PDB file of all heavy atoms in Angstrom:
ATOM      1  N   GLU A   1       5.836  -9.794 -66.810  1.00  0.00           N
ATOM      2  CA  GLU A   1       5.977 -11.273 -67.061  1.00  0.00           C
ATOM      3  C   GLU A   1       5.134 -11.991 -66.095  1.00  0.00           C
ATOM      4  O   GLU A   1       4.813 -11.479 -64.945  1.00  0.00           O
ATOM      5  CB  GLU A   1       7.519 -11.629 -66.875  1.00  0.00           C
ATOM      6  CG  GLU A   1       8.282 -11.107 -68.042  1.00  0.00           C
ATOM      7  CD  GLU A   1       9.797 -11.447 -67.810  1.00  0.00           C
ATOM      8  OE1 GLU A   1      10.111 -12.073 -66.808  1.00  0.00           O
ATOM      9  OE2 GLU A   1      10.553 -11.017 -68.678  1.00  0.00           O
ATOM     10  N   LEU A   2       4.802 -13.220 -66.470  1.00  0.00           N
ATOM     11  CA  LEU A   2       3.987 -14.070 -65.586  1.00  0.00           C
ATOM     12  C   LEU A   2       4.866 -14.583 -64.442  1.00  0.00           C
ATOM     13  O   LEU A   2       6.050 -14.932 -64.607  1.00  0.00           O
ATOM     14  CB  LEU A   2       3.480 -15.270 -66.391  1.00  0.00           C
ATOM     15  CG  LEU A   2       2.584 -15.077 -67.560  1.00  0.00           C
ATOM     16  CD1 LEU A   2       2.199 -16.388 -68.211  1.00  0.00           C
ATOM     17  CD2 LEU A   2       1.393 -14.259 -67.211  1.00  0.00           C
ATOM     18  N   SER A   3       4.310 -14.632 -63.294  1.00  0.00           N
ATOM     19  CA  SER A   3       5.060 -15.114 -62.185  1.00  0.00           C
ATOM     20  C   SER A   3       4.888 -16.686 -62.120  1.00  0.00           C
ATOM     21  O   SER A   3       4.275 -17.216 -62.920  1.00  0.00           O
ATOM     22  CB  SER A   3       4.330 -14.602 -60.750  1.00  0.00           C
ATOM     23  OG  SER A   3       3.096 -15.183 -60.650  1.00  0.00           O
ATOM     24  N   ARG A   4       5.474 -17.324 -61.209  1.00  0.00           N
ATOM     25  CA  ARG A   4       5.405 -18.799 -61.151  1.00  0.00           C
ATOM     26  C   ARG A   4       4.113 -19.299 -60.464  1.00  0.00           C
ATOM     27  O   ARG A   4       3.810 -20.431 -60.581  1.00  0.00           O
ATOM     28  CB  ARG A   4       6.552 -19.361 -60.222  1.00  0.00           C
ATOM     29  CG  ARG A   4       7.910 -19.067 -61.008  1.00  0.00           C
ATOM     30  CD  ARG A   4       9.087 -19.620 -60.028  1.00  0.00           C
ATOM     31  NE  ARG A   4      10.306 -19.347 -60.691  1.00  0.00           N
ATOM     32  CZ  ARG A   4      11.176 -20.222 -60.932  1.00  0.00           C
ATOM     33  NH1 ARG A   4      10.964 -21.519 -60.585  1.00  0.00           N
ATOM     34  NH2 ARG A   4      12.374 -19.983 -61.477  1.00  0.00           N
ATOM     35  N   TYR A   5       3.347 -18.369 -59.806  1.00  0.00           N
ATOM     36  CA  TYR A   5       2.165 -18.777 -59.169  1.00  0.00           C
ATOM     37  C   TYR A   5       1.087 -19.184 -60.133  1.00  0.00           C
ATOM     38  O   TYR A   5       0.928 -18.556 -61.135  1.00  0.00           O
ATOM     39  CB  TYR A   5       1.547 -17.636 -58.261  1.00  0.00           C
ATOM     40  CG  TYR A   5       0.253 -18.118 -57.678  1.00  0.00           C
ATOM     41  CD1 TYR A   5       0.180 -18.885 -56.572  1.00  0.00           C
ATOM     42  CD2 TYR A   5      -0.860 -17.588 -58.222  1.00  0.00           C
ATOM     43  CE1 TYR A   5      -0.999 -19.246 -56.029  1.00  0.00           C
ATOM     44  CE2 TYR A   5      -2.114 -18.014 -57.738  1.00  0.00           C
ATOM     45  CZ  TYR A   5      -2.120 -18.837 -56.660  1.00  0.00           C
ATOM     46  OH  TYR A   5      -3.420 -19.156 -56.081  1.00  0.00           O
ATOM     47  N   ARG A   6       0.448 -20.264 -59.813  1.00  0.00           N
ATOM     48  CA  ARG A   6      -0.733 -20.755 -60.606  1.00  0.00           C
ATOM     49  C   ARG A   6      -1.857 -21.091 -59.674  1.00  0.00           C
ATOM     50  O   ARG A   6      -1.581 -21.746 -58.620  1.00  0.00           O
ATOM     51  CB  ARG A   6      -0.314 -21.945 -61.494  1.00  0.00           C
ATOM     52  CG  ARG A   6       0.717 -21.604 -62.551  1.00  0.00           C
ATOM     53  CD  ARG A   6       0.286 -20.661 -63.614  1.00  0.00           C
ATOM     54  NE  ARG A   6       1.229 -20.344 -64.538  1.00  0.00           N
ATOM     55  CZ  ARG A   6       2.098 -19.276 -64.374  1.00  0.00           C
ATOM     56  NH1 ARG A   6       2.131 -18.506 -63.278  1.00  0.00           N
ATOM     57  NH2 ARG A   6       2.984 -19.011 -65.374  1.00  0.00           N
ATOM     58  N   ASP A   7      -3.025 -20.795 -60.027  1.00  0.00           N
ATOM     59  CA  ASP A   7      -4.113 -21.132 -59.176  1.00  0.00           C
ATOM     60  C   ASP A   7      -4.389 -22.598 -59.283  1.00  0.00           C
ATOM     61  O   ASP A   7      -4.704 -23.185 -60.262  1.00  0.00           O
ATOM     62  CB  ASP A   7      -5.399 -20.409 -59.755  1.00  0.00           C
ATOM     63  CG  ASP A   7      -6.657 -20.667 -58.936  1.00  0.00           C
ATOM     64  OD1 ASP A   7      -6.611 -21.444 -57.950  1.00  0.00           O
ATOM     65  OD2 ASP A   7      -7.679 -20.103 -59.246  1.00  0.00           O
ATOM     66  N   GLN A   8      -4.188 -23.222 -58.124  1.00  0.00           N
ATOM     67  CA  GLN A   8      -4.352 -24.746 -58.046  1.00  0.00           C
ATOM     68  C   GLN A   8      -5.687 -25.190 -58.199  1.00  0.00           C
ATOM     69  O   GLN A   8      -5.918 -26.362 -58.585  1.00  0.00           O
ATOM     70  CB  GLN A   8      -3.832 -25.271 -56.685  1.00  0.00           C
ATOM     71  CG  GLN A   8      -2.405 -24.904 -56.387  1.00  0.00           C
ATOM     72  CD  GLN A   8      -1.434 -25.491 -57.555  1.00  0.00           C
ATOM     73  OE1 GLN A   8      -1.449 -26.626 -57.838  1.00  0.00           O
ATOM     74  NE2 GLN A   8      -0.563 -24.603 -58.045  1.00  0.00           N
ATOM     75  N   ARG A   9      -6.700 -24.368 -58.127  1.00  0.00           N
ATOM     76  CA  ARG A   9      -8.085 -24.756 -58.376  1.00  0.00           C
ATOM     77  C   ARG A   9      -8.620 -24.500 -59.806  1.00  0.00           C
ATOM     78  O   ARG A   9      -9.798 -24.569 -60.026  1.00  0.00           O
ATOM     79  CB  ARG A   9      -8.968 -24.080 -57.365  1.00  0.00           C
ATOM     80  CG  ARG A   9      -8.705 -24.653 -55.933  1.00  0.00           C
ATOM     81  CD  ARG A   9      -9.755 -24.200 -54.978  1.00  0.00           C
ATOM     82  NE  ARG A   9      -9.443 -24.537 -53.646  1.00  0.00           N
ATOM     83  CZ  ARG A   9     -10.102 -24.193 -52.623  1.00  0.00           C
ATOM     84  NH1 ARG A   9     -11.175 -23.495 -52.704  1.00  0.00           N
ATOM     85  NH2 ARG A   9      -9.725 -24.665 -51.388  1.00  0.00           N
ATOM     86  N   PHE A  10      -7.647 -24.063 -60.655  1.00  0.00           N
ATOM     87  CA  PHE A  10      -8.079 -23.774 -62.021  1.00  0.00           C
ATOM     88  C   PHE A  10      -8.617 -25.101 -62.678  1.00  0.00           C
ATOM     89  O   PHE A  10      -7.912 -26.135 -62.567  1.00  0.00           O
ATOM     90  CB  PHE A  10      -6.874 -23.294 -62.809  1.00  0.00           C
ATOM     91  CG  PHE A  10      -7.219 -22.951 -64.279  1.00  0.00           C
ATOM     92  CD1 PHE A  10      -7.788 -21.832 -64.675  1.00  0.00           C
ATOM     93  CD2 PHE A  10      -6.884 -23.875 -65.214  1.00  0.00           C
ATOM     94  CE1 PHE A  10      -8.126 -21.534 -66.033  1.00  0.00           C
ATOM     95  CE2 PHE A  10      -7.096 -23.644 -66.635  1.00  0.00           C
ATOM     96  CZ  PHE A  10      -7.702 -22.482 -66.990  1.00  0.00           C
ATOM     97  N   ARG A  11      -9.734 -25.068 -63.331  1.00  0.00           N
ATOM     98  CA  ARG A  11     -10.291 -26.187 -63.880  1.00  0.00           C
ATOM     99  C   ARG A  11      -9.950 -26.204 -65.390  1.00  0.00           C
ATOM    100  O   ARG A  11     -10.382 -25.405 -66.191  1.00  0.00           O
ATOM    101  CB  ARG A  11     -11.821 -26.245 -63.803  1.00  0.00           C
ATOM    102  CG  ARG A  11     -12.260 -26.320 -62.285  1.00  0.00           C
ATOM    103  CD  ARG A  11     -13.769 -26.598 -62.265  1.00  0.00           C
ATOM    104  NE  ARG A  11     -14.190 -26.463 -60.945  1.00  0.00           N
ATOM    105  CZ  ARG A  11     -14.197 -27.448 -60.077  1.00  0.00           C
ATOM    106  NH1 ARG A  11     -13.725 -28.621 -60.379  1.00  0.00           N
ATOM    107  NH2 ARG A  11     -14.657 -27.330 -58.853  1.00  0.00           N
ATOM    108  N   GLY A  12      -8.992 -27.011 -65.808  1.00  0.00           N
ATOM    109  CA  GLY A  12      -8.473 -27.060 -67.138  1.00  0.00           C
ATOM    110  C   GLY A  12      -7.023 -27.424 -67.169  1.00  0.00           C
ATOM    111  O   GLY A  12      -6.426 -27.674 -66.090  1.00  0.00           O
ATOM    112  N   LYS A  13      -6.414 -27.550 -68.241  1.00  0.00           N
ATOM    113  CA  LYS A  13      -5.048 -27.858 -68.454  1.00  0.00           C
ATOM    114  C   LYS A  13      -4.179 -26.672 -68.125  1.00  0.00           C
ATOM    115  O   LYS A  13      -4.549 -25.492 -68.356  1.00  0.00           O
ATOM    116  CB  LYS A  13      -4.757 -28.414 -69.896  1.00  0.00           C
ATOM    117  CG  LYS A  13      -5.505 -29.671 -70.108  1.00  0.00           C
ATOM    118  CD  LYS A  13      -5.209 -30.206 -71.545  1.00  0.00           C
ATOM    119  CE  LYS A  13      -5.980 -31.483 -71.777  1.00  0.00           C
ATOM    120  NZ  LYS A  13      -5.761 -32.100 -73.057  1.00  0.00           N
ATOM    121  N   ILE A  14      -2.893 -26.945 -67.729  1.00  0.00           N
ATOM    122  CA  ILE A  14      -2.010 -25.904 -67.550  1.00  0.00           C
ATOM    123  C   ILE A  14      -1.788 -25.081 -68.696  1.00  0.00           C
ATOM    124  O   ILE A  14      -1.542 -23.862 -68.579  1.00  0.00           O
ATOM    125  CB  ILE A  14      -0.641 -26.427 -66.923  1.00  0.00           C
ATOM    126  CG1 ILE A  14       0.236 -25.357 -66.345  1.00  0.00           C
ATOM    127  CG2 ILE A  14       0.106 -27.305 -67.923  1.00  0.00           C
ATOM    128  CD1 ILE A  14      -0.194 -24.736 -65.029  1.00  0.00           C
ATOM    129  N   GLN A  15      -1.783 -25.598 -69.905  1.00  0.00           N
ATOM    130  CA  GLN A  15      -1.622 -24.807 -71.169  1.00  0.00           C
ATOM    131  C   GLN A  15      -2.706 -23.779 -71.265  1.00  0.00           C
ATOM    132  O   GLN A  15      -2.438 -22.759 -71.824  1.00  0.00           O
ATOM    133  CB  GLN A  15      -1.485 -25.801 -72.355  1.00  0.00           C
ATOM    134  CG  GLN A  15      -0.277 -26.732 -72.310  1.00  0.00           C
ATOM    135  CD  GLN A  15      -0.511 -28.013 -71.536  1.00  0.00           C
ATOM    136  OE1 GLN A  15      -1.568 -28.160 -70.961  1.00  0.00           O
ATOM    137  NE2 GLN A  15       0.444 -28.907 -71.600  1.00  0.00           N
ATOM    138  N   GLU A  16      -3.890 -24.248 -71.046  1.00  0.00           N
ATOM    139  CA  GLU A  16      -5.035 -23.329 -71.071  1.00  0.00           C
ATOM    140  C   GLU A  16      -4.879 -22.101 -70.131  1.00  0.00           C
ATOM    141  O   GLU A  16      -5.161 -20.976 -70.475  1.00  0.00           O
ATOM    142  CB  GLU A  16      -6.342 -24.021 -70.779  1.00  0.00           C
ATOM    143  CG  GLU A  16      -6.670 -25.099 -71.750  1.00  0.00           C
ATOM    144  CD  GLU A  16      -7.855 -25.956 -71.246  1.00  0.00           C
ATOM    145  OE1 GLU A  16      -8.517 -25.632 -70.262  1.00  0.00           O
ATOM    146  OE2 GLU A  16      -8.079 -27.041 -71.807  1.00  0.00           O
ATOM    147  N   GLN A  17      -4.493 -22.474 -68.896  1.00  0.00           N
ATOM    148  CA  GLN A  17      -4.243 -21.407 -67.888  1.00  0.00           C
ATOM    149  C   GLN A  17      -3.142 -20.478 -68.333  1.00  0.00           C
ATOM    150  O   GLN A  17      -3.235 -19.259 -68.220  1.00  0.00           O
ATOM    151  CB  GLN A  17      -3.917 -22.030 -66.532  1.00  0.00           C
ATOM    152  CG  GLN A  17      -3.836 -21.081 -65.447  1.00  0.00           C
ATOM    153  CD  GLN A  17      -3.604 -21.645 -64.038  1.00  0.00           C
ATOM    154  OE1 GLN A  17      -3.012 -22.687 -64.029  1.00  0.00           O
ATOM    155  NE2 GLN A  17      -4.014 -21.026 -62.997  1.00  0.00           N
ATOM    156  N   GLU A  18      -2.048 -20.988 -68.861  1.00  0.00           N
ATOM    157  CA  GLU A  18      -0.967 -20.207 -69.333  1.00  0.00           C
ATOM    158  C   GLU A  18      -1.436 -19.165 -70.449  1.00  0.00           C
ATOM    159  O   GLU A  18      -1.125 -17.980 -70.430  1.00  0.00           O
ATOM    160  CB  GLU A  18       0.211 -20.999 -69.905  1.00  0.00           C
ATOM    161  CG  GLU A  18       0.839 -21.818 -68.826  1.00  0.00           C
ATOM    162  CD  GLU A  18       1.873 -21.145 -67.994  1.00  0.00           C
ATOM    163  OE1 GLU A  18       2.495 -20.187 -68.539  1.00  0.00           O
ATOM    164  OE2 GLU A  18       2.004 -21.463 -66.737  1.00  0.00           O
ATOM    165  N   LYS A  19      -2.244 -19.665 -71.363  1.00  0.00           N
ATOM    166  CA  LYS A  19      -2.708 -18.802 -72.441  1.00  0.00           C
ATOM    167  C   LYS A  19      -3.597 -17.707 -71.931  1.00  0.00           C
ATOM    168  O   LYS A  19      -3.461 -16.586 -72.281  1.00  0.00           O
ATOM    169  CB  LYS A  19      -3.459 -19.698 -73.470  1.00  0.00           C
ATOM    170  CG  LYS A  19      -3.860 -18.885 -74.689  1.00  0.00           C
ATOM    171  CD  LYS A  19      -4.551 -19.750 -75.675  1.00  0.00           C
ATOM    172  CE  LYS A  19      -4.962 -18.935 -76.852  1.00  0.00           C
ATOM    173  NZ  LYS A  19      -5.663 -19.771 -77.933  1.00  0.00           N
ATOM    174  N   LEU A  20      -4.509 -18.105 -70.991  1.00  0.00           N
ATOM    175  CA  LEU A  20      -5.338 -17.166 -70.371  1.00  0.00           C
ATOM    176  C   LEU A  20      -4.581 -15.999 -69.661  1.00  0.00           C
ATOM    177  O   LEU A  20      -4.879 -14.829 -69.764  1.00  0.00           O
ATOM    178  CB  LEU A  20      -6.359 -17.832 -69.468  1.00  0.00           C
ATOM    179  CG  LEU A  20      -7.493 -18.604 -70.141  1.00  0.00           C
ATOM    180  CD1 LEU A  20      -8.267 -19.412 -69.080  1.00  0.00           C
ATOM    181  CD2 LEU A  20      -8.456 -17.774 -70.910  1.00  0.00           C
ATOM    182  N   LEU A  21      -3.554 -16.460 -68.955  1.00  0.00           N
ATOM    183  CA  LEU A  21      -2.718 -15.517 -68.282  1.00  0.00           C
ATOM    184  C   LEU A  21      -1.996 -14.579 -69.152  1.00  0.00           C
ATOM    185  O   LEU A  21      -1.875 -13.372 -68.935  1.00  0.00           O
ATOM    186  CB  LEU A  21      -1.745 -16.263 -67.287  1.00  0.00           C
ATOM    187  CG  LEU A  21      -2.299 -16.900 -66.086  1.00  0.00           C
ATOM    188  CD1 LEU A  21      -1.282 -17.813 -65.432  1.00  0.00           C
ATOM    189  CD2 LEU A  21      -2.871 -15.979 -65.167  1.00  0.00           C
ATOM    190  N   ARG A  22      -1.502 -15.001 -70.316  1.00  0.00           N
ATOM    191  CA  ARG A  22      -0.728 -14.214 -71.225  1.00  0.00           C
ATOM    192  C   ARG A  22      -1.632 -13.151 -71.878  1.00  0.00           C
ATOM    193  O   ARG A  22      -1.127 -12.153 -72.288  1.00  0.00           O
ATOM    194  CB  ARG A  22      -0.161 -15.107 -72.311  1.00  0.00           C
ATOM    195  CG  ARG A  22       1.163 -15.731 -71.903  1.00  0.00           C
ATOM    196  CD  ARG A  22       1.938 -16.239 -73.029  1.00  0.00           C
ATOM    197  NE  ARG A  22       1.278 -17.329 -73.801  1.00  0.00           N
ATOM    198  CZ  ARG A  22       1.229 -18.591 -73.514  1.00  0.00           C
ATOM    199  NH1 ARG A  22       1.828 -19.014 -72.413  1.00  0.00           N
ATOM    200  NH2 ARG A  22       0.508 -19.472 -74.239  1.00  0.00           N
ATOM    201  N   TYR A  23      -2.921 -13.408 -71.941  1.00  0.00           N
ATOM    202  CA  TYR A  23      -3.772 -12.414 -72.612  1.00  0.00           C
ATOM    203  C   TYR A  23      -4.819 -11.755 -71.674  1.00  0.00           C
ATOM    204  O   TYR A  23      -5.635 -10.977 -72.075  1.00  0.00           O
ATOM    205  CB  TYR A  23      -4.540 -13.044 -73.791  1.00  0.00           C
ATOM    206  CG  TYR A  23      -3.637 -13.567 -74.825  1.00  0.00           C
ATOM    207  CD1 TYR A  23      -3.238 -14.892 -74.882  1.00  0.00           C
ATOM    208  CD2 TYR A  23      -3.045 -12.692 -75.686  1.00  0.00           C
ATOM    209  CE1 TYR A  23      -2.431 -15.396 -75.892  1.00  0.00           C
ATOM    210  CE2 TYR A  23      -2.175 -13.135 -76.638  1.00  0.00           C
ATOM    211  CZ  TYR A  23      -1.768 -14.432 -76.730  1.00  0.00           C
ATOM    212  OH  TYR A  23      -0.918 -14.863 -77.707  1.00  0.00           O
ATOM    213  N   SER A  24      -4.644 -12.077 -70.417  1.00  0.00           N
ATOM    214  CA  SER A  24      -5.701 -11.597 -69.446  1.00  0.00           C
ATOM    215  C   SER A  24      -5.647 -10.073 -69.180  1.00  0.00           C
ATOM    216  O   SER A  24      -4.603  -9.384 -69.421  1.00  0.00           O
ATOM    217  CB  SER A  24      -5.310 -12.158 -68.006  1.00  0.00           C
ATOM    218  OG  SER A  24      -6.148 -11.787 -67.101  1.00  0.00           O
ATOM    219  N   THR A  25      -6.801  -9.533 -68.824  1.00  0.00           N
ATOM    220  CA  THR A  25      -6.898  -8.187 -68.495  1.00  0.00           C
ATOM    221  C   THR A  25      -7.296  -8.056 -67.005  1.00  0.00           C
ATOM    222  O   THR A  25      -7.698  -6.999 -66.525  1.00  0.00           O
ATOM    223  CB  THR A  25      -7.980  -7.419 -69.303  1.00  0.00           C
ATOM    224  OG1 THR A  25      -9.267  -8.148 -69.215  1.00  0.00           O
ATOM    225  CG2 THR A  25      -7.600  -7.481 -70.804  1.00  0.00           C
ATOM    226  N   THR A  26      -7.220  -9.210 -66.278  1.00  0.00           N
ATOM    227  CA  THR A  26      -7.611  -9.204 -64.852  1.00  0.00           C
ATOM    228  C   THR A  26      -6.432  -9.403 -63.968  1.00  0.00           C
ATOM    229  O   THR A  26      -5.509 -10.239 -64.261  1.00  0.00           O
ATOM    230  CB  THR A  26      -8.640 -10.359 -64.642  1.00  0.00           C
ATOM    231  OG1 THR A  26      -9.697 -10.261 -65.520  1.00  0.00           O
ATOM    232  CG2 THR A  26      -9.098 -10.450 -63.225  1.00  0.00           C
ATOM    233  N   LEU A  27      -6.338  -8.653 -62.861  1.00  0.00           N
ATOM    234  CA  LEU A  27      -5.259  -8.810 -61.919  1.00  0.00           C
ATOM    235  C   LEU A  27      -5.801  -9.291 -60.656  1.00  0.00           C
ATOM    236  O   LEU A  27      -6.950  -8.895 -60.152  1.00  0.00           O
ATOM    237  CB  LEU A  27      -4.635  -7.402 -61.644  1.00  0.00           C
ATOM    238  CG  LEU A  27      -4.006  -6.655 -62.875  1.00  0.00           C
ATOM    239  CD1 LEU A  27      -3.459  -5.382 -62.449  1.00  0.00           C
ATOM    240  CD2 LEU A  27      -2.969  -7.580 -63.534  1.00  0.00           C
ATOM    241  N   TYR A  28      -5.049 -10.089 -59.877  1.00  0.00           N
ATOM    242  CA  TYR A  28      -5.328 -10.427 -58.479  1.00  0.00           C
ATOM    243  C   TYR A  28      -4.538  -9.378 -57.679  1.00  0.00           C
ATOM    244  O   TYR A  28      -3.304  -9.136 -57.967  1.00  0.00           O
ATOM    245  CB  TYR A  28      -4.813 -11.816 -58.244  1.00  0.00           C
ATOM    246  CG  TYR A  28      -4.751 -12.189 -56.737  1.00  0.00           C
ATOM    247  CD1 TYR A  28      -5.885 -12.732 -56.141  1.00  0.00           C
ATOM    248  CD2 TYR A  28      -3.641 -11.926 -55.947  1.00  0.00           C
ATOM    249  CE1 TYR A  28      -5.871 -13.034 -54.771  1.00  0.00           C
ATOM    250  CE2 TYR A  28      -3.608 -12.188 -54.646  1.00  0.00           C
ATOM    251  CZ  TYR A  28      -4.723 -12.780 -53.980  1.00  0.00           C
ATOM    252  OH  TYR A  28      -4.764 -12.996 -52.677  1.00  0.00           O
ATOM    253  N   VAL A  29      -5.165  -8.793 -56.731  1.00  0.00           N
ATOM    254  CA  VAL A  29      -4.493  -7.853 -55.833  1.00  0.00           C
ATOM    255  C   VAL A  29      -4.470  -8.370 -54.405  1.00  0.00           C
ATOM    256  O   VAL A  29      -5.567  -8.715 -53.882  1.00  0.00           O
ATOM    257  CB  VAL A  29      -5.180  -6.488 -55.853  1.00  0.00           C
ATOM    258  CG1 VAL A  29      -4.422  -5.505 -55.004  1.00  0.00           C
ATOM    259  CG2 VAL A  29      -5.295  -5.976 -57.248  1.00  0.00           C
ATOM    260  N   GLY A  30      -3.312  -8.587 -53.795  1.00  0.00           N
ATOM    261  CA  GLY A  30      -3.235  -9.168 -52.483  1.00  0.00           C
ATOM    262  C   GLY A  30      -2.498  -8.260 -51.522  1.00  0.00           C
ATOM    263  O   GLY A  30      -1.980  -7.243 -51.821  1.00  0.00           O
ATOM    264  N   ASN A  31      -2.621  -8.689 -50.214  1.00  0.00           N
ATOM    265  CA  ASN A  31      -2.154  -8.042 -49.117  1.00  0.00           C
ATOM    266  C   ASN A  31      -2.757  -6.698 -48.826  1.00  0.00           C
ATOM    267  O   ASN A  31      -2.239  -5.743 -48.317  1.00  0.00           O
ATOM    268  CB  ASN A  31      -0.578  -7.759 -49.187  1.00  0.00           C
ATOM    269  CG  ASN A  31       0.055  -7.539 -47.833  1.00  0.00           C
ATOM    270  OD1 ASN A  31      -0.347  -8.009 -46.814  1.00  0.00           O
ATOM    271  ND2 ASN A  31       1.008  -6.526 -47.778  1.00  0.00           N
ATOM    272  N   LEU A  32      -4.030  -6.645 -49.158  1.00  0.00           N
ATOM    273  CA  LEU A  32      -4.890  -5.498 -48.828  1.00  0.00           C
ATOM    274  C   LEU A  32      -5.274  -5.492 -47.303  1.00  0.00           C
ATOM    275  O   LEU A  32      -5.433  -6.521 -46.672  1.00  0.00           O
ATOM    276  CB  LEU A  32      -6.198  -5.494 -49.600  1.00  0.00           C
ATOM    277  CG  LEU A  32      -6.105  -5.383 -51.092  1.00  0.00           C
ATOM    278  CD1 LEU A  32      -7.434  -5.594 -51.779  1.00  0.00           C
ATOM    279  CD2 LEU A  32      -5.559  -4.042 -51.477  1.00  0.00           C
ATOM    280  N   SER A  33      -5.522  -4.334 -46.761  1.00  0.00           N
ATOM    281  CA  SER A  33      -6.054  -4.234 -45.502  1.00  0.00           C
ATOM    282  C   SER A  33      -7.556  -4.710 -45.551  1.00  0.00           C
ATOM    283  O   SER A  33      -8.074  -4.586 -46.562  1.00  0.00           O
ATOM    284  CB  SER A  33      -6.064  -2.788 -44.997  1.00  0.00           C
ATOM    285  OG  SER A  33      -6.826  -2.578 -43.800  1.00  0.00           O
ATOM    286  N   PHE A  34      -7.964  -5.308 -44.384  1.00  0.00           N
ATOM    287  CA  PHE A  34      -9.395  -5.684 -44.339  1.00  0.00           C
ATOM    288  C   PHE A  34     -10.348  -4.426 -44.439  1.00  0.00           C
ATOM    289  O   PHE A  34     -11.547  -4.588 -44.677  1.00  0.00           O
ATOM    290  CB  PHE A  34      -9.693  -6.431 -43.107  1.00  0.00           C
ATOM    291  CG  PHE A  34      -9.085  -7.846 -43.033  1.00  0.00           C
ATOM    292  CD1 PHE A  34      -8.300  -8.327 -44.014  1.00  0.00           C
ATOM    293  CD2 PHE A  34      -9.334  -8.613 -41.940  1.00  0.00           C
ATOM    294  CE1 PHE A  34      -7.790  -9.582 -43.954  1.00  0.00           C
ATOM    295  CE2 PHE A  34      -8.785  -9.883 -41.899  1.00  0.00           C
ATOM    296  CZ  PHE A  34      -8.010 -10.410 -42.891  1.00  0.00           C
ATOM    297  N   TYR A  35      -9.731  -3.307 -44.235  1.00  0.00           N
ATOM    298  CA  TYR A  35     -10.531  -2.070 -44.117  1.00  0.00           C
ATOM    299  C   TYR A  35     -10.470  -1.253 -45.455  1.00  0.00           C
ATOM    300  O   TYR A  35     -11.063  -0.225 -45.574  1.00  0.00           O
ATOM    301  CB  TYR A  35     -10.095  -1.197 -42.967  1.00  0.00           C
ATOM    302  CG  TYR A  35     -10.094  -1.978 -41.707  1.00  0.00           C
ATOM    303  CD1 TYR A  35      -8.949  -2.460 -41.162  1.00  0.00           C
ATOM    304  CD2 TYR A  35     -11.276  -2.381 -41.106  1.00  0.00           C
ATOM    305  CE1 TYR A  35      -8.974  -3.251 -40.067  1.00  0.00           C
ATOM    306  CE2 TYR A  35     -11.282  -3.204 -39.994  1.00  0.00           C
ATOM    307  CZ  TYR A  35     -10.085  -3.646 -39.399  1.00  0.00           C
ATOM    308  OH  TYR A  35     -10.100  -4.387 -38.310  1.00  0.00           O
ATOM    309  N   THR A  36      -9.699  -1.683 -46.500  1.00  0.00           N
ATOM    310  CA  THR A  36      -9.633  -0.995 -47.773  1.00  0.00           C
ATOM    311  C   THR A  36     -10.930  -1.157 -48.438  1.00  0.00           C
ATOM    312  O   THR A  36     -11.548  -2.229 -48.526  1.00  0.00           O
ATOM    313  CB  THR A  36      -8.485  -1.546 -48.608  1.00  0.00           C
ATOM    314  OG1 THR A  36      -7.231  -1.496 -47.922  1.00  0.00           O
ATOM    315  CG2 THR A  36      -8.356  -0.912 -49.969  1.00  0.00           C
ATOM    316  N   THR A  37     -11.374  -0.071 -49.036  1.00  0.00           N
ATOM    317  CA  THR A  37     -12.674   0.003 -49.738  1.00  0.00           C
ATOM    318  C   THR A  37     -12.549  -0.246 -51.204  1.00  0.00           C
ATOM    319  O   THR A  37     -11.444   0.039 -51.805  1.00  0.00           O
ATOM    320  CB  THR A  37     -13.471   1.270 -49.398  1.00  0.00           C
ATOM    321  OG1 THR A  37     -12.719   2.412 -50.029  1.00  0.00           O
ATOM    322  CG2 THR A  37     -13.656   1.540 -47.903  1.00  0.00           C
TER     323      THR A  37
END
């Protein structure tokens, strides 16, 4: 399911962002070590 987080710098309407997120094949991965390759 979609989280509540939304990229505040997204250029476009929130509805466009929601649609892109529902069909996206891209993940944001966070909390990585600075040394992870």
